[in-house]
Amino acid sequence: MLVNEHTRAPATTPTARRPVIAISVALFGILLALSPWYGYYRDELYFRLLGEQPALGYFDTPPLTPMIARASITIFGDNVVALRIFPAMIASLVVVLVALICRELGGGRNAQVLAAVGAATSSMVLVAGHTLLTLSLDLALWTAATLFTLRALVRSDGRWWFAVGAVAGLATYNRHLILLLIIGVGTGILLAGPRTVLRDKRLWAAALLAVLIALPNLWYQLTNDWPQAQMVDALKEWNGPRNLALFAPLQILLLGPPLAIIAAAGLLRLWRDPRLRCFAIAYPVACALVLYSAGRADYLFGLHLLMFAAGCEPTVRWLSTSTRRRNLLVASVTLNAILTALPVLPLVPPPAAAGTPLFALNEVPRESIGWPQFVTQVATVVRNLPPDDRAKAVILAQNYGQAGILDRYAKDFGLPHIYSGHNELYFRGSPPESARVVVTITKEPARQATPFFTSCTEQGHIDNGIGLDNQEDGKLILVCRDPIRPWSEMWPEFRKHN
């Protein structure tokens, strides 16, 4: 693949405005049309639940995504489609931003269209656009910060550092992963330049702006014993080995092999341009940080999009010499889009997909199925309690997914109050001392609950109806009676975070 050292100035580079906007709008329409299929993802249920009680921060997540959940419900209604309107809009914006990055790097119309198509069909953009996740807003903020940093470097215009600072400060209210980009690019500038930007007072003023914007969030972390650091340690122990094992293959699979090849060409292009070499260094630096913390490979996807955008112009030039090459690219990108969409989007009816590898490749659709059956089966157990027991009953959810779905339909099914010791929900407090009957959903047999209650009996189990092996299927519904100690004393033993 040819790599041209010459990069046209952005002002002279044509803009593929219409096709890029068309791709962006088409993606929004497709995501919105598919949004009601399957059902809520467990993280969406959690963000909905957190949004009911707005706060400056939560134990396991900054406040921005729960705020989006609350705004979505307030504006559009309390349903799964409402929660997914903003993610679809954000994904569409990411497509435009990636095309603008390509243009900033001298990519012409065809390169910008390739960048937009690749971004729109990549797994992470589709996941982030279909489901309300912290990833959703993170992708847009990362991509915007990358674009503004490029403009500051490529155009030698320090005014863009203020845009970088504003976006970086805002990003801390969603996730703190923007630090990977800042540390990576900063290390690249120190090692390979352009070091002249370090003498630009606007860069340091923008850094101060970022700190000032992030200050309330940092204050929350400081005054609450750095909960995000506690979550990093917990997740490292919980999923660390799996994340490390998947890290290398996902560097290719997150984009898909054809797009990953283009991204590799983009990484080489960034390295060969002295103005952009800092981005080429940022990638291995960020990889090292993620590996050290046993984080997930998708934490780096913002850099994947940059490298892909950087590789689009040399790819287009390489294709211009041969019709066969163009046909090969079209076929490869089309096949990649299909193979990416099938496990990511709700395209296959759940009964048909349950026994296939589709759900094994991506937990989002797998964990979006079976919630109606879950609520109905728990509600049946509650309804069958004697009247005296129902009056003093509570539900003890084992995780935030359970708590979220039961809270969503509590009024519809007449459910008692729901408590959970999982993550932020622990801090909402224990059941009252008057709660003498507990309905809980767990994989542990009844005898495992005896250290807390006088008796526990199995009253049912969760069955999603299609034999899909997800987190909740097959769990037991227990009814436990008479806590053997005060709830205030036992509650710390129910706490867990992962």
Protein backbone atom coordinates (compact mmCIF):
# COMPACT_ATOMS: atom_id res chain seq x y z
CA MET A 1 0.00 0.00 0.00
CA LEU A 2 1.52 3.34 -1.01
CA VAL A 3 2.16 5.98 1.63
CA ASN A 4 2.52 9.54 0.33
CA GLU A 5 4.53 11.85 2.57
CA HIS A 6 2.73 14.93 1.23
CA THR A 7 -0.40 16.06 3.06
CA ARG A 8 -2.55 18.75 1.49
CA ALA A 9 -3.55 21.70 3.62
CA PRO A 10 -7.09 21.24 5.03
CA ALA A 11 -8.24 24.48 3.42
CA THR A 12 -7.50 23.09 -0.03
CA THR A 13 -8.87 19.61 0.63
CA PRO A 14 -12.35 19.00 -0.82
CA THR A 15 -15.10 18.05 1.61
CA ALA A 16 -17.37 15.08 0.94
CA ARG A 17 -20.19 16.76 2.83
CA ARG A 18 -23.21 15.18 1.17
CA PRO A 19 -22.14 11.52 1.09
CA VAL A 20 -20.75 11.70 4.63
CA ILE A 21 -23.95 13.24 5.97
CA ALA A 22 -25.98 10.66 4.03
CA ILE A 23 -23.99 7.83 5.65
CA SER A 24 -24.40 9.44 9.07
CA VAL A 25 -28.18 9.86 8.65
CA ALA A 26 -28.56 6.32 7.30
CA LEU A 27 -26.73 4.94 10.34
CA PHE A 28 -29.01 6.89 12.68
CA GLY A 29 -32.11 5.58 10.88
CA ILE A 30 -30.93 1.96 10.99
CA LEU A 31 -29.97 2.13 14.67
CA LEU A 32 -33.25 3.76 15.61
CA ALA A 33 -35.25 1.20 13.63
CA LEU A 34 -33.46 -1.66 15.41
CA SER A 35 -33.57 -0.06 18.87
CA PRO A 36 -36.72 -1.82 20.19
CA TRP A 37 -35.56 -5.31 19.21
CA TYR A 38 -34.44 -7.72 21.94
CA GLY A 39 -34.76 -5.33 24.92
CA TYR A 40 -32.83 -3.40 27.53
CA TYR A 41 -29.16 -4.18 28.10
CA ARG A 42 -28.34 -4.53 31.79
CA ASP A 43 -26.08 -1.44 31.82
CA GLU A 44 -28.92 0.65 30.37
CA LEU A 45 -31.14 -0.49 33.21
CA TYR A 46 -28.45 0.54 35.68
CA PHE A 47 -27.97 3.98 34.15
CA ARG A 48 -31.74 4.47 34.19
CA LEU A 49 -31.75 3.54 37.88
CA LEU A 50 -28.84 5.85 38.74
CA GLY A 51 -30.44 8.69 36.80
CA GLU A 52 -33.43 8.56 39.16
CA GLN A 53 -31.16 10.04 41.83
CA PRO A 54 -28.84 12.56 40.11
CA ALA A 55 -25.46 13.02 41.77
CA LEU A 56 -22.07 14.54 41.10
CA GLY A 57 -20.65 11.05 40.87
CA TYR A 58 -21.32 7.41 41.62
CA PHE A 59 -19.08 4.72 43.03
CA ASP A 60 -18.52 2.93 39.72
CA THR A 61 -19.22 5.59 37.10
CA PRO A 62 -19.09 9.37 36.62
CA PRO A 63 -22.47 11.09 36.24
CA LEU A 64 -22.75 11.96 32.54
CA THR A 65 -24.22 8.72 31.12
CA PRO A 66 -26.83 8.41 33.93
CA MET A 67 -27.72 12.06 33.21
CA ILE A 68 -28.24 11.19 29.56
CA ALA A 69 -30.49 8.32 30.63
CA ARG A 70 -32.55 10.65 32.79
CA ALA A 71 -32.79 13.26 30.04
CA SER A 72 -33.83 10.62 27.51
CA ILE A 73 -36.65 9.39 29.73
CA THR A 74 -37.77 12.92 30.54
CA ILE A 75 -37.85 13.98 26.88
CA PHE A 76 -38.84 10.82 25.03
CA GLY A 77 -40.50 8.56 27.63
CA ASP A 78 -39.58 5.64 29.85
CA ASN A 79 -38.87 2.93 27.29
CA VAL A 80 -35.94 1.24 25.59
CA VAL A 81 -36.25 3.25 22.38
CA ALA A 82 -36.03 6.51 24.33
CA LEU A 83 -32.77 5.43 25.96
CA ARG A 84 -31.26 4.67 22.56
CA ILE A 85 -32.03 7.88 20.68
CA PHE A 86 -29.01 9.78 22.03
CA PRO A 87 -26.59 6.88 21.41
CA ALA A 88 -27.76 6.67 17.79
CA MET A 89 -27.24 10.41 17.40
CA ILE A 90 -23.78 10.17 18.99
CA ALA A 91 -22.74 7.32 16.67
CA SER A 92 -23.85 9.39 13.68
CA LEU A 93 -21.75 12.27 14.96
CA VAL A 94 -18.71 9.98 15.32
CA VAL A 95 -19.02 9.07 11.63
CA VAL A 96 -18.83 12.75 10.68
CA LEU A 97 -15.90 13.37 13.04
CA VAL A 98 -13.92 10.45 11.60
CA ALA A 99 -14.47 11.82 8.07
CA LEU A 100 -13.28 15.25 9.27
CA ILE A 101 -10.15 13.64 10.75
CA CYS A 102 -9.51 12.03 7.38
CA ARG A 103 -9.90 15.42 5.68
CA GLU A 104 -7.62 17.07 8.22
CA LEU A 105 -4.97 14.56 7.21
CA GLY A 106 -5.38 15.46 3.54
CA GLY A 107 -7.92 12.82 2.58
CA GLY A 108 -10.01 13.72 -0.47
CA ARG A 109 -13.68 12.98 -1.09
CA ASN A 110 -13.26 9.25 -1.73
CA ALA A 111 -11.04 8.86 1.32
CA GLN A 112 -13.58 10.68 3.49
CA VAL A 113 -16.38 8.43 2.23
CA LEU A 114 -14.26 5.37 3.00
CA ALA A 115 -13.57 6.74 6.47
CA ALA A 116 -17.28 7.35 7.08
CA VAL A 117 -18.32 3.91 5.82
CA GLY A 118 -15.64 2.17 7.86
CA ALA A 119 -16.57 4.02 11.03
CA ALA A 120 -20.29 3.41 10.51
CA THR A 121 -19.79 -0.34 10.12
CA SER A 122 -17.19 -0.88 12.85
CA SER A 123 -18.22 -2.99 15.80
CA MET A 124 -17.66 -0.43 18.54
CA VAL A 125 -19.55 2.36 16.76
CA LEU A 126 -22.46 -0.01 16.14
CA VAL A 127 -22.46 -1.21 19.76
CA ALA A 128 -22.15 2.34 21.11
CA GLY A 129 -24.88 3.56 18.76
CA HIS A 130 -27.35 0.77 19.45
CA THR A 131 -27.03 0.75 23.26
CA LEU A 132 -26.64 3.45 25.90
CA LEU A 133 -23.17 2.79 27.31
CA THR A 134 -20.39 4.92 28.73
CA LEU A 135 -18.64 3.93 25.49
CA SER A 136 -21.30 5.82 23.52
CA LEU A 137 -20.36 9.32 24.61
CA ASP A 138 -16.72 8.37 25.13
CA LEU A 139 -16.26 7.64 21.43
CA ALA A 140 -17.58 11.06 20.44
CA LEU A 141 -15.47 12.88 23.03
CA TRP A 142 -12.29 10.96 22.11
CA THR A 143 -12.84 11.53 18.41
CA ALA A 144 -13.55 15.24 18.91
CA ALA A 145 -10.45 15.63 21.11
CA THR A 146 -8.38 13.85 18.45
CA LEU A 147 -9.72 16.09 15.67
CA PHE A 148 -9.01 19.27 17.65
CA THR A 149 -5.50 18.08 18.56
CA LEU A 150 -4.82 17.38 14.89
CA ARG A 151 -5.97 20.87 13.97
CA ALA A 152 -3.69 22.39 16.58
CA LEU A 153 -0.71 20.42 15.21
CA VAL A 154 -1.41 20.29 11.46
CA ARG A 155 -2.53 23.92 11.20
CA SER A 156 -0.04 25.18 13.81
CA ASP A 157 -3.00 26.95 15.39
CA GLY A 158 -2.79 26.94 19.18
CA ARG A 159 -6.34 28.19 19.57
CA TRP A 160 -7.52 24.61 19.05
CA TRP A 161 -5.88 23.58 22.33
CA PHE A 162 -8.74 25.28 24.15
CA ALA A 163 -11.21 23.02 22.36
CA VAL A 164 -9.08 20.03 23.35
CA GLY A 165 -9.04 21.19 26.97
CA ALA A 166 -12.80 21.73 27.09
CA VAL A 167 -13.55 18.30 25.62
CA ALA A 168 -11.00 16.56 27.85
CA GLY A 169 -12.45 18.18 30.97
CA LEU A 170 -15.99 17.23 29.95
CA ALA A 171 -14.91 13.65 29.17
CA THR A 172 -13.93 13.05 32.80
CA TYR A 173 -17.62 13.21 33.70
CA ASN A 174 -18.22 10.17 31.51
CA ARG A 175 -15.08 8.04 31.93
CA HIS A 176 -11.51 8.82 32.84
CA LEU A 177 -10.13 7.02 29.82
CA ILE A 178 -9.44 10.32 28.05
CA LEU A 179 -6.24 10.25 30.12
CA LEU A 180 -4.99 7.47 27.84
CA LEU A 181 -5.15 9.86 24.89
CA ILE A 182 -3.61 12.77 26.82
CA ILE A 183 -0.78 10.70 28.29
CA GLY A 184 -0.16 8.94 24.98
CA VAL A 185 0.00 12.08 22.86
CA GLY A 186 1.91 13.96 25.54
CA THR A 187 4.53 11.21 25.67
CA GLY A 188 4.72 11.24 21.88
CA ILE A 189 5.34 15.00 21.81
CA LEU A 190 8.08 14.71 24.44
CA LEU A 191 9.79 11.87 22.58
CA ALA A 192 9.33 12.88 18.95
CA GLY A 193 7.86 16.36 18.81
CA PRO A 194 6.76 18.74 17.67
CA ARG A 195 8.23 20.07 20.94
CA THR A 196 7.66 23.66 19.84
CA VAL A 197 4.03 23.31 20.99
CA LEU A 198 5.32 23.00 24.56
CA ARG A 199 6.33 26.68 24.36
CA ASP A 200 2.81 27.70 23.38
CA LYS A 201 1.16 29.32 26.40
CA ARG A 202 -2.23 28.43 24.96
CA LEU A 203 -1.47 24.74 25.44
CA TRP A 204 -0.92 25.22 29.17
CA ALA A 205 -3.90 27.53 29.48
CA ALA A 206 -6.00 24.81 27.84
CA ALA A 207 -4.60 22.24 30.27
CA LEU A 208 -5.68 24.50 33.13
CA LEU A 209 -9.11 24.83 31.51
CA ALA A 210 -9.41 21.03 31.43
CA VAL A 211 -8.51 20.79 35.12
CA LEU A 212 -10.98 23.51 36.06
CA ILE A 213 -13.81 21.81 34.17
CA ALA A 214 -12.92 18.43 35.70
CA LEU A 215 -12.41 19.84 39.20
CA PRO A 216 -15.84 18.95 40.67
CA ASN A 217 -15.42 15.40 39.40
CA LEU A 218 -11.89 15.21 40.81
CA TRP A 219 -13.17 16.59 44.11
CA TYR A 220 -15.80 13.86 44.25
CA GLN A 221 -13.11 11.23 43.70
CA LEU A 222 -10.82 12.76 46.32
CA THR A 223 -13.49 13.07 48.99
CA ASN A 224 -14.86 9.57 48.38
CA ASP A 225 -11.57 7.64 48.62
CA TRP A 226 -11.04 7.44 44.84
CA PRO A 227 -13.87 5.01 43.99
CA GLN A 228 -12.79 4.80 40.35
CA ALA A 229 -9.41 3.43 41.47
CA GLN A 230 -11.25 0.88 43.62
CA MET A 231 -13.31 -0.15 40.61
CA VAL A 232 -10.18 -0.52 38.47
CA ASP A 233 -8.72 -2.90 41.05
CA ALA A 234 -11.97 -4.85 41.31
CA LEU A 235 -12.36 -5.17 37.54
CA LYS A 236 -8.72 -6.18 37.20
CA GLU A 237 -9.35 -9.06 39.57
CA TRP A 238 -12.74 -9.90 38.04
CA ASN A 239 -11.95 -9.79 34.32
CA GLY A 240 -8.20 -9.16 34.15
CA PRO A 241 -7.05 -12.54 32.76
CA ARG A 242 -9.81 -12.57 30.14
CA ASN A 243 -9.02 -9.00 29.07
CA LEU A 244 -5.33 -9.82 28.68
CA ALA A 245 -6.07 -12.94 26.64
CA LEU A 246 -8.37 -11.06 24.26
CA PHE A 247 -6.29 -7.90 23.97
CA ALA A 248 -4.17 -8.85 20.93
CA PRO A 249 -6.89 -10.44 18.75
CA LEU A 250 -9.29 -7.59 19.47
CA GLN A 251 -6.79 -5.11 18.05
CA ILE A 252 -7.83 -6.60 14.71
CA LEU A 253 -11.39 -7.70 15.37
CA LEU A 254 -12.71 -4.42 16.78
CA LEU A 255 -12.39 -2.87 13.34
CA GLY A 256 -12.42 -6.10 11.34
CA PRO A 257 -9.45 -7.44 9.31
CA PRO A 258 -9.95 -5.27 6.18
CA LEU A 259 -10.25 -2.06 8.18
CA ALA A 260 -7.43 -3.13 10.51
CA ILE A 261 -5.11 -3.34 7.47
CA ILE A 262 -6.06 0.22 6.55
CA ALA A 263 -5.44 1.25 10.17
CA ALA A 264 -1.99 -0.33 10.04
CA ALA A 265 -1.23 1.77 6.95
CA GLY A 266 -2.54 4.77 8.87
CA LEU A 267 -0.22 4.08 11.80
CA LEU A 268 2.74 3.97 9.41
CA ARG A 269 1.59 7.22 7.84
CA LEU A 270 1.36 8.93 11.21
CA TRP A 271 4.87 7.76 12.06
CA ARG A 272 6.33 9.12 8.82
CA ASP A 273 4.94 12.61 9.35
CA PRO A 274 6.99 14.50 11.99
CA ARG A 275 3.96 16.60 12.92
CA LEU A 276 1.88 13.49 13.63
CA ARG A 277 4.47 11.06 14.98
CA CYS A 278 3.24 11.76 18.49
CA PHE A 279 0.01 9.93 17.60
CA ALA A 280 1.93 6.93 16.33
CA ILE A 281 3.72 6.80 19.69
CA ALA A 282 0.49 7.37 21.59
CA TYR A 283 -0.89 4.03 20.43
CA PRO A 284 1.78 1.74 21.99
CA VAL A 285 1.90 3.93 25.09
CA ALA A 286 -1.87 3.61 25.55
CA CYS A 287 -1.64 -0.13 24.86
CA ALA A 288 0.96 -0.47 27.62
CA LEU A 289 -1.23 1.43 30.08
CA VAL A 290 -4.27 -0.70 29.30
CA LEU A 291 -2.28 -3.93 29.56
CA TYR A 292 -0.77 -2.83 32.86
CA SER A 293 -4.22 -2.20 34.31
CA ALA A 294 -5.68 -5.35 32.67
CA GLY A 295 -8.25 -3.14 30.97
CA ARG A 296 -10.34 -3.94 27.93
CA ALA A 297 -9.07 -3.62 24.38
CA ASP A 298 -11.99 -1.39 23.40
CA TYR A 299 -10.60 1.35 25.68
CA LEU A 300 -8.29 2.15 22.76
CA PHE A 301 -10.91 2.28 20.04
CA GLY A 302 -10.65 6.05 19.69
CA LEU A 303 -7.06 5.57 18.54
CA HIS A 304 -8.17 2.76 16.21
CA LEU A 305 -10.51 5.22 14.50
CA LEU A 306 -7.71 7.78 14.15
CA MET A 307 -5.35 5.23 12.58
CA PHE A 308 -8.10 4.02 10.25
CA ALA A 309 -8.90 7.58 9.15
CA ALA A 310 -5.20 8.23 8.58
CA GLY A 311 -4.96 5.15 6.35
CA CYS A 312 -7.90 6.00 4.10
CA GLU A 313 -6.10 8.45 1.78
CA PRO A 314 -3.12 6.15 1.00
CA THR A 315 -5.58 3.30 0.54
CA VAL A 316 -7.59 5.31 -2.01
CA ARG A 317 -4.42 6.20 -3.89
CA TRP A 318 -3.41 2.55 -3.90
CA LEU A 319 -6.83 1.58 -5.26
CA SER A 320 -6.76 4.21 -8.02
CA THR A 321 -4.24 2.17 -10.00
CA SER A 322 -6.45 -0.90 -10.39
CA THR A 323 -10.13 -1.70 -10.87
CA ARG A 324 -9.52 -5.13 -9.36
CA ARG A 325 -8.20 -3.51 -6.19
CA ARG A 326 -11.26 -1.26 -5.93
CA ASN A 327 -13.59 -4.22 -6.34
CA LEU A 328 -11.61 -6.14 -3.72
CA LEU A 329 -11.94 -3.28 -1.25
CA VAL A 330 -15.68 -2.89 -1.84
CA ALA A 331 -16.22 -6.62 -1.38
CA SER A 332 -14.02 -6.75 1.74
CA VAL A 333 -15.66 -3.75 3.42
CA THR A 334 -19.15 -5.07 2.60
CA LEU A 335 -18.37 -8.53 3.97
CA ASN A 336 -16.76 -6.98 7.03
CA ALA A 337 -19.89 -4.88 7.65
CA ILE A 338 -22.12 -7.96 7.49
CA LEU A 339 -19.91 -10.05 9.75
CA THR A 340 -19.66 -7.16 12.20
CA ALA A 341 -23.37 -6.37 12.29
CA LEU A 342 -24.63 -9.92 12.84
CA PRO A 343 -23.20 -10.42 16.35
CA VAL A 344 -23.56 -6.75 17.32
CA LEU A 345 -27.04 -5.71 16.21
CA PRO A 346 -30.36 -7.48 16.88
CA LEU A 347 -30.72 -8.85 13.35
CA VAL A 348 -31.32 -12.52 14.09
CA PRO A 349 -34.40 -13.67 16.05
CA PRO A 350 -33.26 -14.84 19.51
CA PRO A 351 -34.48 -18.44 19.17
CA ALA A 352 -32.50 -18.81 15.93
CA ALA A 353 -29.35 -17.23 17.38
CA ALA A 354 -29.41 -18.91 20.80
CA GLY A 355 -27.48 -21.98 19.68
CA THR A 356 -25.00 -20.17 17.43
CA PRO A 357 -21.69 -18.37 18.10
CA LEU A 358 -23.37 -14.98 17.49
CA PHE A 359 -24.24 -14.38 21.13
CA ALA A 360 -20.91 -15.75 22.31
CA LEU A 361 -19.08 -13.01 20.39
CA ASN A 362 -20.85 -10.09 22.07
CA GLU A 363 -22.54 -9.97 25.44
CA VAL A 364 -24.74 -6.94 24.72
CA PRO A 365 -27.43 -8.79 22.72
CA ARG A 366 -27.05 -11.87 24.91
CA GLU A 367 -27.71 -9.85 28.05
CA SER A 368 -30.61 -7.96 26.46
CA ILE A 369 -32.83 -11.04 26.16
CA GLY A 370 -35.08 -12.64 28.75
CA TRP A 371 -35.95 -9.66 30.94
CA PRO A 372 -39.76 -9.89 30.43
CA GLN A 373 -39.66 -13.53 31.54
CA PHE A 374 -37.40 -12.58 34.45
CA VAL A 375 -39.81 -9.96 35.81
CA THR A 376 -42.85 -12.18 35.30
CA GLN A 377 -41.27 -15.13 37.11
CA VAL A 378 -40.12 -13.02 40.06
CA ALA A 379 -43.51 -11.29 40.24
CA THR A 380 -45.26 -14.68 40.31
CA VAL A 381 -43.28 -15.69 43.40
CA VAL A 382 -44.10 -12.36 45.09
CA ARG A 383 -47.77 -12.67 44.19
CA ASN A 384 -47.92 -16.18 45.68
CA LEU A 385 -46.68 -15.03 49.07
CA PRO A 386 -49.27 -15.01 51.86
CA PRO A 387 -50.70 -11.51 52.41
CA ASP A 388 -48.90 -11.09 55.74
CA ASP A 389 -45.57 -11.98 54.11
CA ARG A 390 -46.12 -9.61 51.18
CA ALA A 391 -46.68 -6.74 53.62
CA LYS A 392 -43.19 -7.15 55.10
CA ALA A 393 -41.35 -8.37 52.01
CA VAL A 394 -38.54 -6.80 50.02
CA ILE A 395 -36.60 -7.91 46.95
CA LEU A 396 -32.84 -8.32 47.29
CA ALA A 397 -31.25 -8.07 43.84
CA GLN A 398 -27.85 -9.69 43.40
CA ASN A 399 -26.70 -7.31 40.67
CA TYR A 400 -27.61 -3.99 39.08
CA GLY A 401 -29.22 -5.65 36.06
CA GLN A 402 -31.73 -7.41 38.29
CA ALA A 403 -32.31 -4.25 40.32
CA GLY A 404 -32.71 -2.15 37.18
CA ILE A 405 -35.32 -4.32 35.45
CA LEU A 406 -37.32 -4.90 38.64
CA ASP A 407 -37.33 -1.16 39.36
CA ARG A 408 -38.46 -0.47 35.79
CA TYR A 409 -41.55 -2.66 36.15
CA ALA A 410 -42.13 -2.50 39.92
CA LYS A 411 -45.33 -0.46 39.61
CA ASP A 412 -46.71 -2.55 36.76
CA PHE A 413 -46.32 -5.79 38.73
CA GLY A 414 -46.91 -4.46 42.24
CA LEU A 415 -43.45 -5.43 43.43
CA PRO A 416 -42.12 -4.52 46.89
CA HIS A 417 -39.13 -2.23 47.35
CA ILE A 418 -35.90 -3.37 45.73
CA TYR A 419 -32.48 -3.33 47.39
CA SER A 420 -29.06 -4.39 46.21
CA GLY A 421 -25.50 -4.37 47.54
CA HIS A 422 -23.99 -4.13 44.04
CA ASN A 423 -21.77 -1.14 43.22
CA GLU A 424 -23.47 2.24 43.79
CA LEU A 425 -26.73 0.60 44.90
CA TYR A 426 -25.09 -0.50 48.14
CA PHE A 427 -24.90 3.15 49.24
CA ARG A 428 -28.66 3.56 48.89
CA GLY A 429 -28.97 1.64 52.11
CA SER A 430 -30.16 -1.63 53.56
CA PRO A 431 -33.71 -2.89 53.88
CA PRO A 432 -35.59 -1.62 56.93
CA GLU A 433 -35.59 -3.73 60.08
CA SER A 434 -39.29 -4.40 59.44
CA ALA A 435 -38.35 -6.42 56.33
CA ARG A 436 -38.71 -10.01 57.51
CA VAL A 437 -39.29 -11.70 54.12
CA VAL A 438 -36.80 -11.48 51.27
CA VAL A 439 -37.21 -12.56 47.67
CA THR A 440 -33.82 -12.95 46.01
CA ILE A 441 -32.55 -14.31 42.70
CA THR A 442 -29.29 -16.19 42.95
CA LYS A 443 -27.30 -19.08 41.50
CA GLU A 444 -26.56 -20.33 45.02
CA PRO A 445 -28.80 -23.02 46.57
CA ALA A 446 -31.05 -22.14 49.48
CA ARG A 447 -28.67 -23.54 52.08
CA GLN A 448 -26.05 -20.90 51.17
CA ALA A 449 -28.35 -18.16 52.52
CA THR A 450 -28.73 -19.70 56.00
CA PRO A 451 -25.95 -17.53 57.58
CA PHE A 452 -28.30 -14.57 57.10
CA PHE A 453 -31.83 -15.97 57.49
CA THR A 454 -33.63 -18.50 59.65
CA SER A 455 -34.95 -20.28 56.55
CA CYS A 456 -34.79 -20.12 52.77
CA THR A 457 -36.83 -22.10 50.27
CA GLU A 458 -36.69 -22.37 46.51
CA GLN A 459 -39.89 -21.05 44.94
CA GLY A 460 -38.98 -20.96 41.25
CA HIS A 461 -36.22 -20.36 38.76
CA ILE A 462 -35.44 -18.06 35.85
CA ASP A 463 -36.04 -19.41 32.38
CA ASN A 464 -35.74 -17.12 29.35
CA GLY A 465 -37.71 -19.60 27.28
CA ILE A 466 -35.19 -20.16 24.48
CA GLY A 467 -32.37 -21.92 26.29
CA LEU A 468 -30.05 -18.93 26.01
CA ASP A 469 -27.18 -19.16 28.49
CA ASN A 470 -26.87 -15.64 29.87
CA GLN A 471 -26.23 -14.21 33.32
CA GLU A 472 -29.72 -14.70 34.70
CA ASP A 473 -30.97 -17.86 33.02
CA GLY A 474 -31.23 -20.80 35.39
CA LYS A 475 -30.91 -18.79 38.60
CA LEU A 476 -33.07 -19.74 41.56
CA ILE A 477 -35.78 -17.57 43.08
CA LEU A 478 -35.56 -17.93 46.84
CA VAL A 479 -37.88 -16.77 49.59
CA CYS A 480 -35.99 -16.22 52.81
CA ARG A 481 -37.52 -15.41 56.17
CA ASP A 482 -36.45 -13.81 59.43
CA PRO A 483 -32.97 -12.28 59.22
CA ILE A 484 -30.89 -13.62 62.10
CA ARG A 485 -29.16 -10.25 62.67
CA PRO A 486 -30.20 -6.62 62.21
CA TRP A 487 -30.01 -5.45 58.60
CA SER A 488 -27.71 -2.59 59.55
CA GLU A 489 -25.22 -5.13 60.89
CA MET A 490 -25.48 -7.56 57.97
CA TRP A 491 -25.55 -5.04 55.13
CA PRO A 492 -21.76 -4.68 54.65
CA GLU A 493 -21.61 -8.42 53.96
CA PHE A 494 -23.92 -7.96 50.97
CA ARG A 495 -21.65 -5.39 49.36
CA LYS A 496 -19.85 -6.27 46.13
CA HIS A 497 -18.37 -4.28 43.27
CA ASN A 498 -17.32 -5.55 39.86
